[in-house]
Amino acid sequence: MSKYEYQQHPHAAARKEQGPAVSKRAKPIAELGLNERIGLFITKHVGTMWAAYLFLGLTLISLPAALASGNTLVIVSWIAQTFLQLVLLPIIIVGQNIQAKASDDRAIATYEDAGAILEESKEIQNHLSVQDVALTELVDKVAALEAKLAKQLKK
């Protein structure tokens, strides 16, 4: 009877070294190009509720002129092109940041769960190895008893 030898899948070791897949593992700022740095700076600063409040104030400056025009098209344009675009943009970014954080938390939890399952699997393999030894000993004892019984029956 051959003994089972546990061999960890190569991906498990590489994954353990890499850690969970989260957005925080992006390139460090020092490694970013100029355009990426500018984009990151703008995203971090526009994607705040303070930017939404600032943009709300900015849109309100042109509201009296839009209303005074009395033109429905101008008022609708103000709502769609000025208010909604300027105010909703930072609010949407804030929401996406919250969702990204929740996604990162789920990725970390899944990674930790997978690590726990891997460790439990290793314990199961160890348990099975101990059982293999015990079963092999039992089979050997039964074989020895059979041989002894066969000798006695021949006499």
Protein backbone atom coordinates (compact mmCIF):
# COMPACT_ATOMS: atom_id res chain seq x y z
CA MET A 1 0.00 0.00 0.00
CA SER A 2 1.50 3.32 -1.04
CA LYS A 3 1.56 6.26 1.36
CA TYR A 4 -0.03 9.51 0.23
CA GLU A 5 2.37 12.46 0.11
CA TYR A 6 0.75 15.91 0.35
CA GLN A 7 2.15 18.48 -2.06
CA GLN A 8 0.85 22.00 -1.86
CA HIS A 9 -0.31 23.49 -5.13
CA PRO A 10 2.27 26.05 -6.37
CA HIS A 11 -0.42 28.72 -6.69
CA ALA A 12 -1.14 28.54 -2.94
CA ALA A 13 2.41 29.56 -1.99
CA ALA A 14 2.51 32.32 -4.61
CA ARG A 15 -0.89 33.62 -3.51
CA LYS A 16 0.16 33.62 0.13
CA GLU A 17 3.19 35.73 -0.74
CA GLN A 18 1.14 38.09 -2.93
CA GLY A 19 -1.66 38.69 -0.43
CA PRO A 20 -5.27 39.62 -1.13
CA ALA A 21 -6.29 41.32 -4.36
CA VAL A 22 -7.13 44.84 -3.23
CA SER A 23 -7.02 48.23 -4.91
CA LYS A 24 -4.47 49.45 -2.33
CA ARG A 25 -1.83 47.40 -4.12
CA ALA A 26 -1.61 49.91 -6.96
CA LYS A 27 1.76 51.30 -8.00
CA PRO A 28 3.42 53.68 -5.53
CA ILE A 29 3.05 57.36 -6.51
CA ALA A 30 6.80 57.59 -7.21
CA GLU A 31 6.39 54.99 -10.00
CA LEU A 32 3.52 56.82 -11.71
CA GLY A 33 4.00 58.93 -14.82
CA LEU A 34 3.11 62.62 -14.91
CA ASN A 35 -0.34 62.07 -16.43
CA GLU A 36 -1.14 59.37 -13.89
CA ARG A 37 -0.06 61.64 -11.01
CA ILE A 38 -2.21 64.50 -12.32
CA GLY A 39 -5.19 62.15 -12.75
CA LEU A 40 -4.72 60.73 -9.26
CA PHE A 41 -4.42 64.20 -7.73
CA ILE A 42 -7.59 65.42 -9.43
CA THR A 43 -9.52 62.26 -8.58
CA LYS A 44 -8.53 62.43 -4.92
CA HIS A 45 -9.52 66.08 -4.64
CA VAL A 46 -12.64 66.10 -6.81
CA GLY A 47 -13.91 62.87 -5.28
CA THR A 48 -14.85 64.46 -1.93
CA MET A 49 -18.04 65.84 -0.52
CA TRP A 50 -16.24 69.16 0.00
CA ALA A 51 -15.74 69.37 -3.76
CA ALA A 52 -19.46 68.63 -4.22
CA TYR A 53 -20.33 71.49 -1.86
CA LEU A 54 -17.91 73.82 -3.66
CA PHE A 55 -19.35 72.88 -7.07
CA LEU A 56 -22.88 73.35 -5.71
CA GLY A 57 -21.95 76.88 -4.71
CA LEU A 58 -20.39 77.45 -8.10
CA THR A 59 -23.53 76.28 -9.92
CA LEU A 60 -25.73 78.52 -7.81
CA ILE A 61 -23.89 81.56 -9.19
CA SER A 62 -25.44 81.02 -12.62
CA LEU A 63 -28.86 79.90 -11.36
CA PRO A 64 -30.39 83.42 -11.13
CA ALA A 65 -29.40 84.15 -14.74
CA ALA A 66 -30.90 80.85 -15.93
CA LEU A 67 -34.15 81.50 -14.07
CA ALA A 68 -34.30 85.15 -15.18
CA SER A 69 -34.08 84.09 -18.82
CA GLY A 70 -37.49 82.45 -18.48
CA ASN A 71 -36.43 80.10 -21.25
CA THR A 72 -37.23 76.47 -20.45
CA LEU A 73 -34.33 75.27 -22.59
CA VAL A 74 -31.87 77.45 -20.67
CA ILE A 75 -33.22 76.23 -17.32
CA VAL A 76 -33.07 72.57 -18.40
CA SER A 77 -29.56 73.13 -19.75
CA TRP A 78 -28.53 74.69 -16.44
CA ILE A 79 -29.88 71.68 -14.54
CA ALA A 80 -28.37 69.07 -16.88
CA GLN A 81 -25.09 70.66 -17.89
CA THR A 82 -24.24 72.75 -14.87
CA PHE A 83 -25.89 71.45 -11.74
CA LEU A 84 -26.03 67.70 -12.37
CA GLN A 85 -22.61 67.37 -13.97
CA LEU A 86 -20.73 69.52 -11.49
CA VAL A 87 -22.45 68.35 -8.32
CA LEU A 88 -23.03 64.68 -9.10
CA LEU A 89 -19.51 63.99 -10.36
CA PRO A 90 -17.79 64.27 -6.97
CA ILE A 91 -20.67 62.53 -5.21
CA ILE A 92 -20.41 59.58 -7.62
CA ILE A 93 -16.66 59.39 -7.02
CA VAL A 94 -17.26 59.38 -3.24
CA GLY A 95 -19.73 56.51 -3.71
CA GLN A 96 -17.27 54.60 -5.89
CA ASN A 97 -14.56 55.04 -3.25
CA ILE A 98 -16.92 53.62 -0.61
CA GLN A 99 -17.76 50.69 -2.88
CA ALA A 100 -14.05 50.09 -3.61
CA LYS A 101 -13.33 49.99 0.13
CA ALA A 102 -16.15 47.48 0.63
CA SER A 103 -14.79 45.43 -2.28
CA ASP A 104 -11.31 45.50 -0.75
CA ASP A 105 -12.77 44.34 2.58
CA ARG A 106 -14.55 41.46 0.83
CA ALA A 107 -11.34 40.51 -1.02
CA ILE A 108 -9.40 40.45 2.26
CA ALA A 109 -12.10 38.36 3.96
CA THR A 110 -12.17 35.91 1.04
CA TYR A 111 -8.38 35.68 1.06
CA GLU A 112 -8.35 34.99 4.80
CA ASP A 113 -11.15 32.43 4.43
CA ALA A 114 -9.22 30.66 1.67
CA GLY A 115 -6.11 30.63 3.87
CA ALA A 116 -8.10 29.11 6.74
CA ILE A 117 -9.56 26.48 4.42
CA LEU A 118 -6.06 25.64 3.16
CA GLU A 119 -4.81 25.19 6.73
CA GLU A 120 -7.83 23.03 7.56
CA SER A 121 -7.12 20.94 4.45
CA LYS A 122 -3.53 20.45 5.62
CA GLU A 123 -4.84 19.26 9.00
CA ILE A 124 -7.17 16.84 7.23
CA GLN A 125 -4.20 15.51 5.23
CA ASN A 126 -2.22 15.04 8.46
CA HIS A 127 -5.17 13.27 10.05
CA LEU A 128 -5.52 11.01 7.02
CA SER A 129 -1.79 10.23 7.15
CA VAL A 130 -2.13 9.12 10.77
CA GLN A 131 -5.14 7.02 9.79
CA ASP A 132 -3.14 5.50 6.91
CA VAL A 133 -0.47 4.38 9.37
CA ALA A 134 -3.08 2.97 11.76
CA LEU A 135 -4.93 1.16 8.95
CA THR A 136 -1.68 -0.25 7.57
CA GLU A 137 -0.82 -1.60 11.03
CA LEU A 138 -4.30 -3.14 11.30
CA VAL A 139 -4.02 -4.72 7.85
CA ASP A 140 -0.59 -6.12 8.77
CA LYS A 141 -2.00 -7.54 12.04
CA VAL A 142 -4.98 -9.10 10.24
CA ALA A 143 -2.63 -10.59 7.64
CA ALA A 144 -0.42 -11.99 10.41
CA LEU A 145 -3.47 -13.46 12.18
CA GLU A 146 -4.70 -14.98 8.91
CA ALA A 147 -1.30 -16.54 8.33
CA LYS A 148 -1.21 -17.86 11.89
CA LEU A 149 -4.78 -19.20 11.56
CA ALA A 150 -3.96 -20.81 8.21
CA LYS A 151 -0.99 -22.59 9.84
CA GLN A 152 -3.17 -23.81 12.68
CA LEU A 153 -5.85 -25.08 10.31
CA LYS A 154 -3.25 -27.04 8.33
CA LYS A 155 -2.17 -28.91 11.42
